[in-house]
Amino acid sequence: MMEGNEEQSELSLEGNDEGDSFRLHMVTWNVATADPPEDVTALLHLNSPKSPDLYVIGLQEVYSGPMRFVSDTVYDDPWSQLLMSILAPRKYIKVSSIRMQGLLLLFFSKLEHVPFIRDIKATYTRTGIFGYWGNKGGVSVRLSFYGHMLCFLNCHLAAHMKYATERVDEFEYIMDTQTFDCKKAPRIVDHRLVFWFGDLNFRIQDHGMHFVRSCINNQTYNLLWSNDQLTMMKKKEQMLQEFDEGPLDFQPTYKFDLNSDTYDSRLYRTWFGFNGKKRKPAWTDRILWRLRPKAPPPDELDGADVKKVGHVEEDEEYPLKIRQDLYTSNMEYSISDHKPVISIFTLELRKMYETPLVRLQPEGDWSADIDAMVLYSPLQPFPSSTWDWIGLYKVGFTSVMDYITYTWVKDDEVAFNEEIIQVYVSKEEIPVRGGECVLCYYSSALQSIIGISEPFKVHESKVASEEGLEPDKINGLDKSIEGEDFWD
């Protein structure tokens, strides 16, 4: 099943002392409008001794009825709420998300990496009914991870056996037309590493139902691979050939009876009553990746091709390698007619930068009894803006928007490197009952947090105590993470 960039992606990651290794946990799941299960331990491998550095979760058919969809534009949907509540105590925050009707893409990072994730952009492309309805298409998040440009594309493509060509057309349309406001990588193919995943809806053709189910029962999945439509289409589509995929050594993930591990056994209603035609099992849910093809040596390039010359230099000075450690379906979950697919990758890369753009810290003791001061200094030049702000967060916060309060940063205050700058936070905005907190500097231009303080204690208000306030809770700031363990 490995094609295209096989040599690049199969390179051994061992013995290379030039790079750092990062673990990426990816999930794709068509949830068929169901609410999330109570327990996502198996989905996120929460009991694994190795915790991921990044989680990327792509969902399809998230419920988007009129009332729910309106509420989800104001509040996080139940899936986002659940995942944030599970991952925040484990020191992950939701860095970015994008939703287009039933398509949802969530990107989580361990807090220690957050100041090194920059230039975050998210967008979507509709390919549904006449391109207007968001029931099919792709949503994507792109970003710079320690200087390496990554793009994650979650797709839901056209359904049914006979539309394999239409699925490829939709994918190529998304790849060709989706753009980002980013000079270095305005298109998906410009990124160093692209992940393409989702309910791609490719089926197993020609083989009959009995043969397919027999192969599944005997775990002889390899007998079905040659008739998998995506594998077949790869042989004649250049763009598909640039994407790699691990072996499909797991059960096809579609289509199951709800709340069971039984493949489709329902009778379908037709104009003339019922018939017994069942949906043939298929690997509709997939995770693929594309490592940008290596450019030829500079002496073989046209001098005008500046971008490819830059690619050659970048590839040599800052190598990036990828290895897939796991690719499987999870049979434990039965709320949908699809099973989730999980893939774990190891990324080994040489960091292009190791210092955050801003250092910041609280000055003096903080409490709601007196205005507080933040000290910060830019460690490197960056595109500052009047829309930059510093937020006060509880330890264990879920996302950029999960702040207690914030204060604006003036544009001219970030003009001089290493200069220590002061901004104030009003005492009225500080939690009366205190708690463990951090400060984060948010860059509007880079759409990301570019500096995080060490955790510090906000003291309980003495004035409030004297007035008889019960310190039964710490202002709602539950100590799900102890401050001293914050950066461990």
Protein backbone atom coordinates (compact mmCIF):
# COMPACT_ATOMS: atom_id res chain seq x y z
CA MET A 1 0.00 0.00 0.00
CA MET A 2 3.00 2.33 0.33
CA GLU A 3 3.51 4.43 -2.78
CA GLY A 4 4.78 7.84 -3.88
CA ASN A 5 7.18 9.11 -1.22
CA GLU A 6 7.92 5.64 0.10
CA GLU A 7 11.64 6.18 0.49
CA GLN A 8 11.20 9.45 2.37
CA SER A 9 8.52 8.23 4.75
CA GLU A 10 10.13 4.86 5.39
CA LEU A 11 13.48 6.30 6.39
CA SER A 12 14.52 5.01 9.78
CA LEU A 13 14.11 7.59 12.51
CA GLU A 14 16.59 5.88 14.80
CA GLY A 15 20.13 6.99 15.25
CA ASN A 16 19.54 10.54 14.02
CA ASP A 17 20.79 12.88 16.73
CA GLU A 18 19.97 16.03 14.77
CA GLY A 19 16.23 15.96 15.34
CA ASP A 20 13.58 15.83 18.04
CA SER A 21 10.80 13.25 17.94
CA PHE A 22 7.13 14.12 18.31
CA ARG A 23 4.18 11.76 18.63
CA LEU A 24 1.03 12.56 16.64
CA HIS A 25 -2.27 10.79 17.43
CA MET A 26 -4.89 11.07 14.68
CA VAL A 27 -8.53 9.99 14.64
CA THR A 28 -11.11 10.04 11.87
CA TRP A 29 -14.70 9.05 12.57
CA ASN A 30 -18.04 9.47 10.84
CA VAL A 31 -20.20 9.78 13.96
CA ALA A 32 -23.56 9.63 12.09
CA THR A 33 -25.05 12.55 14.11
CA ALA A 34 -24.59 10.68 17.42
CA ASP A 35 -23.60 12.44 20.62
CA PRO A 36 -20.16 11.45 21.93
CA PRO A 37 -19.70 8.33 24.07
CA GLU A 38 -19.02 8.79 27.76
CA ASP A 39 -15.65 7.07 27.61
CA VAL A 40 -13.08 8.04 24.96
CA THR A 41 -10.14 6.34 26.69
CA ALA A 42 -9.63 3.80 23.88
CA LEU A 43 -10.17 6.42 21.17
CA LEU A 44 -7.40 8.66 22.54
CA HIS A 45 -5.22 5.87 24.03
CA LEU A 46 -5.33 7.67 27.37
CA ASN A 47 -3.86 4.67 29.19
CA SER A 48 -0.85 4.43 26.88
CA PRO A 49 2.54 4.91 28.56
CA LYS A 50 3.48 7.24 25.69
CA SER A 51 1.38 10.39 25.56
CA PRO A 52 1.13 12.18 22.21
CA ASP A 53 2.52 15.65 21.64
CA LEU A 54 -0.37 16.43 19.29
CA TYR A 55 -3.92 15.17 18.81
CA VAL A 56 -5.72 15.75 15.50
CA ILE A 57 -9.34 14.63 15.43
CA GLY A 58 -11.47 14.76 12.28
CA LEU A 59 -15.19 14.03 12.55
CA GLN A 60 -17.85 13.76 9.87
CA GLU A 61 -21.63 13.96 10.19
CA VAL A 62 -21.54 15.80 13.50
CA TYR A 63 -25.17 16.62 14.24
CA SER A 64 -26.05 19.92 12.64
CA GLY A 65 -29.81 20.24 12.91
CA PRO A 66 -31.03 23.87 12.81
CA MET A 67 -31.21 24.46 16.57
CA ARG A 68 -28.02 22.54 17.39
CA PHE A 69 -26.03 24.18 14.61
CA VAL A 70 -27.07 27.67 15.69
CA SER A 71 -26.07 26.92 19.28
CA ASP A 72 -22.75 25.41 18.16
CA THR A 73 -21.78 28.67 16.43
CA VAL A 74 -21.97 30.36 19.82
CA TYR A 75 -20.90 27.49 22.08
CA ASP A 76 -18.63 24.53 21.46
CA ASP A 77 -20.42 21.43 20.17
CA PRO A 78 -20.70 18.40 22.51
CA TRP A 79 -17.75 16.63 20.85
CA SER A 80 -15.44 19.62 21.32
CA GLN A 81 -16.66 20.11 24.88
CA LEU A 82 -16.01 16.48 25.80
CA LEU A 83 -12.57 16.31 24.19
CA MET A 84 -11.45 19.59 25.75
CA SER A 85 -12.67 18.52 29.20
CA ILE A 86 -10.78 15.21 28.90
CA LEU A 87 -7.54 16.63 27.48
CA ALA A 88 -7.20 19.91 29.43
CA PRO A 89 -6.37 18.18 32.77
CA ARG A 90 -3.69 16.26 30.84
CA LYS A 91 -2.06 19.58 29.83
CA TYR A 92 -3.38 19.84 26.27
CA ILE A 93 -5.17 22.84 24.85
CA LYS A 94 -7.29 23.16 21.74
CA VAL A 95 -5.05 25.23 19.47
CA SER A 96 -7.42 25.43 16.51
CA SER A 97 -10.68 24.06 15.15
CA ILE A 98 -12.83 24.48 12.05
CA ARG A 99 -16.38 23.38 11.41
CA MET A 100 -18.42 23.28 8.21
CA GLN A 101 -21.85 21.89 8.97
CA GLY A 102 -21.24 18.21 9.85
CA LEU A 103 -17.46 18.34 9.27
CA LEU A 104 -15.34 19.14 12.33
CA LEU A 105 -11.55 19.27 12.72
CA LEU A 106 -9.87 19.72 16.11
CA PHE A 107 -6.15 20.29 16.74
CA PHE A 108 -4.80 19.83 20.29
CA SER A 109 -1.25 20.33 21.50
CA LYS A 110 0.64 19.75 24.72
CA LEU A 111 1.04 23.12 26.35
CA GLU A 112 4.84 23.05 26.13
CA HIS A 113 4.67 23.18 22.31
CA VAL A 114 2.02 25.91 22.05
CA PRO A 115 4.42 28.92 21.83
CA PHE A 116 6.11 27.17 18.88
CA ILE A 117 2.92 26.63 16.86
CA ARG A 118 2.45 29.71 14.70
CA ASP A 119 0.76 31.03 11.56
CA ILE A 120 -2.41 29.09 12.30
CA LYS A 121 -5.06 29.27 9.58
CA ALA A 122 -8.24 27.27 9.09
CA THR A 123 -10.59 27.14 6.13
CA TYR A 124 -13.18 24.98 4.34
CA THR A 125 -14.36 24.02 0.85
CA ARG A 126 -17.88 22.88 -0.01
CA THR A 127 -18.37 20.20 -2.64
CA GLY A 128 -21.95 19.19 -1.70
CA ILE A 129 -25.10 20.00 -3.63
CA PHE A 130 -23.98 22.50 -6.29
CA GLY A 131 -21.14 23.53 -3.99
CA TYR A 132 -23.49 25.49 -1.73
CA TRP A 133 -24.49 22.95 0.90
CA GLY A 134 -21.85 21.96 3.43
CA ASN A 135 -22.78 18.28 3.68
CA LYS A 136 -19.68 17.28 1.70
CA GLY A 137 -16.28 18.85 1.23
CA GLY A 138 -13.15 19.50 3.25
CA VAL A 139 -12.05 21.48 6.32
CA SER A 140 -8.40 22.14 7.03
CA VAL A 141 -6.02 23.59 9.59
CA ARG A 142 -2.52 24.69 8.59
CA LEU A 143 0.25 25.85 10.90
CA SER A 144 3.96 26.11 11.48
CA PHE A 145 5.26 23.56 14.02
CA TYR A 146 8.75 24.59 15.16
CA GLY A 147 9.06 26.20 11.71
CA HIS A 148 7.84 23.20 9.67
CA MET A 149 4.66 23.83 7.70
CA LEU A 150 1.98 21.20 8.31
CA CYS A 151 -1.53 20.95 6.89
CA PHE A 152 -4.39 18.71 8.06
CA LEU A 153 -7.30 18.15 5.66
CA ASN A 154 -10.45 16.39 6.87
CA CYS A 155 -12.79 15.38 4.01
CA HIS A 156 -16.21 13.86 3.53
CA LEU A 157 -16.53 12.88 -0.13
CA ALA A 158 -19.40 11.68 -2.33
CA ALA A 159 -21.08 8.44 -1.28
CA HIS A 160 -22.11 5.24 -3.14
CA MET A 161 -20.22 2.58 -5.07
CA LYS A 162 -20.44 4.12 -8.55
CA TYR A 163 -19.00 7.53 -7.69
CA ALA A 164 -15.28 6.72 -7.31
CA THR A 165 -14.30 9.15 -10.06
CA GLU A 166 -16.45 11.89 -8.52
CA ARG A 167 -14.68 11.35 -5.21
CA VAL A 168 -11.30 11.89 -6.83
CA ASP A 169 -12.65 14.97 -8.65
CA GLU A 170 -13.89 16.42 -5.37
CA PHE A 171 -10.54 15.79 -3.69
CA GLU A 172 -8.61 17.38 -6.55
CA TYR A 173 -10.99 20.35 -6.54
CA ILE A 174 -10.32 20.90 -2.82
CA MET A 175 -6.55 20.57 -3.34
CA ASP A 176 -6.59 22.98 -6.30
CA THR A 177 -8.86 25.68 -4.90
CA GLN A 178 -8.29 25.79 -1.15
CA THR A 179 -5.91 28.63 -0.26
CA PHE A 180 -4.48 30.24 2.87
CA ASP A 181 -3.35 33.78 3.64
CA CYS A 182 0.23 32.61 4.02
CA LYS A 183 3.07 33.65 1.72
CA LYS A 184 5.25 30.57 2.26
CA ALA A 185 2.44 28.05 1.78
CA PRO A 186 -0.65 29.54 0.12
CA ARG A 187 -1.88 26.13 -1.14
CA ILE A 188 -2.14 22.71 0.47
CA VAL A 189 0.59 21.23 -1.75
CA ASP A 190 3.05 23.92 -0.63
CA HIS A 191 3.19 22.46 2.87
CA ARG A 192 6.08 20.30 3.99
CA LEU A 193 3.73 17.62 5.29
CA VAL A 194 0.03 17.14 4.51
CA PHE A 195 -2.36 14.72 6.19
CA TRP A 196 -5.50 13.80 4.22
CA PHE A 197 -8.13 11.88 6.13
CA GLY A 198 -11.85 11.48 6.72
CA ASP A 199 -14.80 9.56 5.34
CA LEU A 200 -13.40 9.34 1.83
CA ASN A 201 -16.19 6.90 0.91
CA PHE A 202 -14.12 4.66 -1.39
CA ARG A 203 -15.64 1.16 -1.65
CA ILE A 204 -14.59 -2.41 -2.51
CA GLN A 205 -15.83 -3.12 -5.99
CA ASP A 206 -16.31 -6.29 -8.12
CA HIS A 207 -16.04 -8.74 -5.21
CA GLY A 208 -19.37 -10.09 -4.01
CA MET A 209 -20.76 -9.70 -0.51
CA HIS A 210 -20.04 -13.33 0.45
CA PHE A 211 -16.37 -13.12 -0.58
CA VAL A 212 -15.85 -9.80 1.21
CA ARG A 213 -17.37 -11.04 4.45
CA SER A 214 -15.41 -14.30 4.20
CA CYS A 215 -12.14 -12.36 3.90
CA ILE A 216 -13.10 -10.27 6.91
CA ASN A 217 -13.97 -13.32 8.99
CA ASN A 218 -10.66 -14.97 8.03
CA GLN A 219 -8.71 -11.71 8.41
CA THR A 220 -7.35 -12.12 4.90
CA TYR A 221 -7.79 -8.42 4.21
CA ASN A 222 -5.01 -8.41 1.62
CA LEU A 223 -7.26 -10.33 -0.80
CA LEU A 224 -9.49 -7.24 -0.94
CA TRP A 225 -6.85 -4.55 -1.37
CA SER A 226 -6.56 -4.71 -5.16
CA ASN A 227 -10.28 -3.95 -5.49
CA ASP A 228 -10.30 -1.09 -3.02
CA GLN A 229 -11.29 1.91 -5.14
CA LEU A 230 -8.74 4.29 -3.63
CA THR A 231 -5.95 1.79 -4.35
CA MET A 232 -7.26 1.38 -7.89
CA MET A 233 -7.58 5.13 -8.51
CA LYS A 234 -4.02 5.69 -7.26
CA LYS A 235 -2.69 3.79 -10.26
CA LYS A 236 -3.92 6.45 -12.68
CA GLU A 237 -4.13 9.70 -10.68
CA GLN A 238 -0.84 11.58 -10.20
CA MET A 239 -2.03 13.60 -7.21
CA LEU A 240 -3.13 10.46 -5.35
CA GLN A 241 0.24 8.82 -6.01
CA GLU A 242 1.94 11.51 -3.93
CA PHE A 243 0.05 10.32 -0.84
CA ASP A 244 1.18 7.37 1.26
CA GLU A 245 -1.02 5.04 3.27
CA GLY A 246 -0.19 2.22 5.62
CA PRO A 247 -1.50 -1.33 5.00
CA LEU A 248 -5.23 -1.84 5.56
CA ASP A 249 -4.62 -4.60 8.11
CA PHE A 250 -7.83 -3.94 9.99
CA GLN A 251 -11.53 -4.58 9.57
CA PRO A 252 -13.40 -2.40 7.09
CA THR A 253 -15.05 0.37 9.09
CA TYR A 254 -18.39 0.64 7.23
CA LYS A 255 -21.27 -0.22 7.40
CA PHE A 256 -22.42 -1.54 10.81
CA ASP A 257 -25.76 -1.90 12.49
CA LEU A 258 -25.99 0.65 15.28
CA ASN A 259 -24.93 -0.49 18.74
CA SER A 260 -23.34 -3.66 17.39
CA ASP A 261 -20.32 -5.18 15.65
CA THR A 262 -22.57 -6.70 12.98
CA TYR A 263 -22.15 -5.53 9.42
CA ASP A 264 -25.23 -4.08 7.76
CA SER A 265 -28.17 -6.48 8.08
CA ARG A 266 -31.08 -4.09 7.63
CA LEU A 267 -33.82 -4.31 5.03
CA TYR A 268 -34.03 -1.14 2.97
CA ARG A 269 -37.34 0.40 1.96
CA THR A 270 -37.84 0.93 -1.77
CA TRP A 271 -40.75 2.31 -3.82
CA PHE A 272 -42.17 -1.21 -4.02
CA GLY A 273 -41.69 -2.37 -0.43
CA PHE A 274 -38.51 -3.83 1.11
CA ASN A 275 -35.48 -5.52 -0.37
CA GLY A 276 -32.64 -7.39 1.25
CA LYS A 277 -29.75 -5.53 -0.36
CA LYS A 278 -27.14 -4.73 2.25
CA ARG A 279 -24.24 -2.27 2.13
CA LYS A 280 -21.04 -4.11 1.32
CA PRO A 281 -18.31 -3.56 3.94
CA ALA A 282 -15.63 -1.07 2.89
CA TRP A 283 -12.66 0.95 4.11
CA THR A 284 -14.41 4.28 3.74
CA ASP A 285 -12.51 5.91 6.62
CA ARG A 286 -8.85 6.58 5.86
CA ILE A 287 -5.73 8.47 6.92
CA LEU A 288 -3.04 9.27 4.34
CA TRP A 289 -0.06 11.61 4.26
CA ARG A 290 2.12 13.43 1.75
CA LEU A 291 5.68 14.47 2.43
CA ARG A 292 6.55 17.22 -0.02
CA PRO A 293 8.55 15.66 -2.88
CA LYS A 294 12.22 16.53 -2.76
CA ALA A 295 13.19 19.19 -5.26
CA PRO A 296 16.05 18.43 -7.66
CA PRO A 297 19.50 19.85 -6.83
CA PRO A 298 19.85 23.64 -7.39
CA ASP A 299 22.12 23.16 -10.42
CA GLU A 300 19.29 21.33 -12.18
CA LEU A 301 16.71 24.01 -11.43
CA ASP A 302 15.70 26.99 -13.49
CA GLY A 303 17.19 30.02 -11.75
CA ALA A 304 13.75 31.63 -11.63
CA ASP A 305 12.33 28.80 -9.51
CA VAL A 306 13.18 30.47 -6.21
CA LYS A 307 10.62 28.48 -4.20
CA LYS A 308 12.12 25.10 -5.15
CA VAL A 309 15.64 26.34 -4.41
CA GLY A 310 14.34 27.28 -0.95
CA HIS A 311 12.84 23.81 -0.59
CA VAL A 312 16.20 22.17 -1.30
CA GLU A 313 17.93 24.30 1.32
CA GLU A 314 15.18 23.69 3.87
CA ASP A 315 15.19 19.92 3.28
CA GLU A 316 18.93 19.76 3.86
CA GLU A 317 19.23 22.11 6.83
CA TYR A 318 16.02 21.16 8.62
CA PRO A 319 15.19 17.54 7.81
CA LEU A 320 11.72 16.16 8.48
CA LYS A 321 10.94 12.45 8.60
CA ILE A 322 7.72 10.59 9.33
CA ARG A 323 6.96 7.06 10.46
CA GLN A 324 3.54 5.50 10.93
CA ASP A 325 3.52 3.45 14.14
CA LEU A 326 -0.13 2.37 14.11
CA TYR A 327 -3.03 2.28 11.64
CA THR A 328 -6.15 0.51 12.82
CA SER A 329 -9.89 0.61 13.33
CA ASN A 330 -11.46 0.55 16.79
CA MET A 331 -14.35 -1.88 17.17
CA GLU A 332 -15.20 -0.80 20.70
CA TYR A 333 -17.45 2.09 19.67
CA SER A 334 -20.88 1.37 18.20
CA ILE A 335 -22.82 4.65 18.35
CA SER A 336 -22.36 5.09 14.58
CA ASP A 337 -22.60 2.90 11.47
CA HIS A 338 -18.87 3.66 11.04
CA LYS A 339 -16.02 2.59 13.31
CA PRO A 340 -13.32 5.15 14.13
CA VAL A 341 -9.88 4.84 12.55
CA ILE A 342 -6.77 5.69 14.56
CA SER A 343 -3.25 6.34 13.35
CA ILE A 344 -0.16 7.20 15.39
CA PHE A 345 2.84 8.82 13.73
CA THR A 346 6.33 9.74 14.85
CA LEU A 347 7.60 12.99 13.38
CA GLU A 348 11.31 13.60 13.63
CA LEU A 349 12.43 17.07 12.75
CA ARG A 350 15.09 19.61 13.42
CA LYS A 351 13.53 22.66 15.07
CA MET A 352 13.92 25.93 13.19
CA TYR A 353 13.53 27.82 16.48
CA GLU A 354 13.63 26.87 20.16
CA THR A 355 12.94 30.20 21.90
CA PRO A 356 9.45 31.66 22.35
CA LEU A 357 8.88 35.08 20.81
CA VAL A 358 7.87 36.66 24.12
CA ARG A 359 8.84 36.14 27.76
CA LEU A 360 6.26 37.21 30.33
CA GLN A 361 5.72 36.99 34.08
CA PRO A 362 3.54 38.44 36.83
CA GLU A 363 5.07 41.19 38.96
CA GLY A 364 4.59 40.97 42.71
CA ASP A 365 1.68 39.34 44.51
CA TRP A 366 -1.60 39.05 42.66
CA SER A 367 -5.02 39.30 44.28
CA ALA A 368 -8.35 41.06 43.71
CA ASP A 369 -7.36 43.70 46.30
CA ILE A 370 -4.97 45.64 44.05
CA ASP A 371 -4.32 46.25 40.36
CA ALA A 372 -1.79 43.74 39.06
CA MET A 373 1.17 44.17 36.73
CA VAL A 374 2.48 41.97 33.90
CA LEU A 375 6.08 42.24 32.73
CA TYR A 376 6.96 41.03 29.26
CA SER A 377 9.76 41.36 26.75
CA PRO A 378 10.03 40.33 23.11
CA LEU A 379 12.89 37.90 22.61
CA GLN A 380 12.78 38.14 18.81
CA PRO A 381 11.14 40.54 16.35
CA PHE A 382 7.61 39.55 15.33
CA PRO A 383 4.65 41.28 13.64
CA SER A 384 3.03 42.98 16.64
CA SER A 385 -0.41 44.55 16.44
CA THR A 386 -2.82 46.71 18.42
CA TRP A 387 -4.97 43.57 18.54
CA ASP A 388 -2.40 41.60 20.54
CA TRP A 389 -3.43 40.80 24.10
CA ILE A 390 -2.24 39.08 27.27
CA GLY A 391 -4.71 36.69 28.88
CA LEU A 392 -4.96 35.40 32.42
CA TYR A 393 -5.82 31.68 32.43
CA LYS A 394 -6.43 29.08 35.08
CA VAL A 395 -3.95 26.22 35.13
CA GLY A 396 -5.66 23.49 33.08
CA PHE A 397 -7.37 25.85 30.59
CA THR A 398 -8.97 24.28 27.51
CA SER A 399 -8.35 26.71 24.64
CA VAL A 400 -7.15 30.18 23.68
CA MET A 401 -10.61 31.59 24.41
CA ASP A 402 -10.83 30.02 27.88
CA TYR A 403 -9.34 33.08 29.61
CA ILE A 404 -10.44 34.66 32.89
CA THR A 405 -9.60 38.15 31.67
CA TYR A 406 -7.24 39.89 29.26
CA THR A 407 -5.48 43.19 28.72
CA TRP A 408 -4.61 44.77 25.37
CA VAL A 409 -1.02 45.29 24.28
CA LYS A 410 -0.18 48.52 22.48
CA ASP A 411 1.55 48.23 19.12
CA ASP A 412 4.47 50.54 19.94
CA GLU A 413 5.16 48.68 23.16
CA VAL A 414 6.66 45.75 21.25
CA ALA A 415 9.11 47.84 19.27
CA PHE A 416 12.41 47.11 21.02
CA ASN A 417 13.97 43.72 21.43
CA GLU A 418 14.68 42.65 25.04
CA GLU A 419 12.99 45.77 26.45
CA ILE A 420 10.90 44.95 29.53
CA ILE A 421 7.39 46.34 29.15
CA GLN A 422 4.65 46.71 31.76
CA VAL A 423 0.90 46.39 31.38
CA TYR A 424 -1.74 46.39 34.09
CA VAL A 425 -4.69 44.17 34.88
CA SER A 426 -7.52 45.78 36.82
CA LYS A 427 -8.23 44.30 40.26
CA GLU A 428 -11.90 44.06 39.29
CA GLU A 429 -10.94 41.44 36.70
CA ILE A 430 -8.90 39.22 39.04
CA PRO A 431 -10.60 36.19 40.67
CA VAL A 432 -11.72 37.01 44.23
CA ARG A 433 -10.90 33.54 45.52
CA GLY A 434 -7.63 33.17 43.68
CA GLY A 435 -6.11 30.00 42.26
CA GLU A 436 -3.21 28.69 40.15
CA CYS A 437 -2.89 30.72 36.94
CA VAL A 438 -0.69 31.45 33.92
CA LEU A 439 -0.31 34.39 31.58
CA CYS A 440 -0.35 33.94 27.78
CA TYR A 441 0.59 36.46 25.09
CA TYR A 442 -1.67 36.10 22.02
CA SER A 443 -0.43 37.41 18.67
CA SER A 444 -3.21 38.51 16.35
CA ALA A 445 -0.94 38.43 13.28
CA LEU A 446 0.27 34.88 13.98
CA GLN A 447 -3.15 33.72 15.27
CA SER A 448 -1.45 31.95 18.16
CA ILE A 449 -0.11 32.10 21.69
CA ILE A 450 3.58 33.06 21.43
CA GLY A 451 4.55 33.17 25.10
CA ILE A 452 3.40 31.49 28.32
CA SER A 453 4.47 32.36 31.85
CA GLU A 454 5.36 29.90 34.58
CA PRO A 455 2.37 29.08 36.78
CA PHE A 456 1.81 31.42 39.72
CA LYS A 457 -0.61 31.77 42.60
CA VAL A 458 -3.35 34.38 42.65
CA HIS A 459 -4.10 34.92 46.33
CA GLU A 460 -7.54 34.98 47.82
CA SER A 461 -8.86 38.49 48.37
CA LYS A 462 -8.36 39.58 51.99
CA VAL A 463 -11.07 42.21 51.62
CA ALA A 464 -13.54 39.57 50.41
CA SER A 465 -12.59 37.28 53.31
CA GLU A 466 -13.14 40.05 55.84
CA GLU A 467 -16.56 40.62 54.32
CA GLY A 468 -17.44 37.00 54.98
CA LEU A 469 -16.98 35.33 51.57
CA GLU A 470 -16.71 31.57 51.99
CA PRO A 471 -13.56 30.22 50.32
CA ASP A 472 -15.21 26.86 49.68
CA LYS A 473 -14.11 26.91 46.04
CA ILE A 474 -11.20 28.73 44.51
CA ASN A 475 -13.28 31.03 42.31
CA GLY A 476 -14.25 28.11 40.14
CA LEU A 477 -10.60 27.51 39.36
CA ASP A 478 -10.49 23.79 40.02
CA LYS A 479 -6.96 22.57 40.67
CA SER A 480 -7.08 19.83 38.07
CA ILE A 481 -3.35 20.36 37.59
CA GLU A 482 -1.00 21.41 40.37
CA GLY A 483 1.12 24.37 39.43
CA GLU A 484 4.45 22.71 40.13
CA ASP A 485 3.56 19.87 37.72
CA PHE A 486 2.49 22.26 34.96
CA TRP A 487 5.58 22.01 32.79
CA ASP A 488 6.64 18.46 33.75
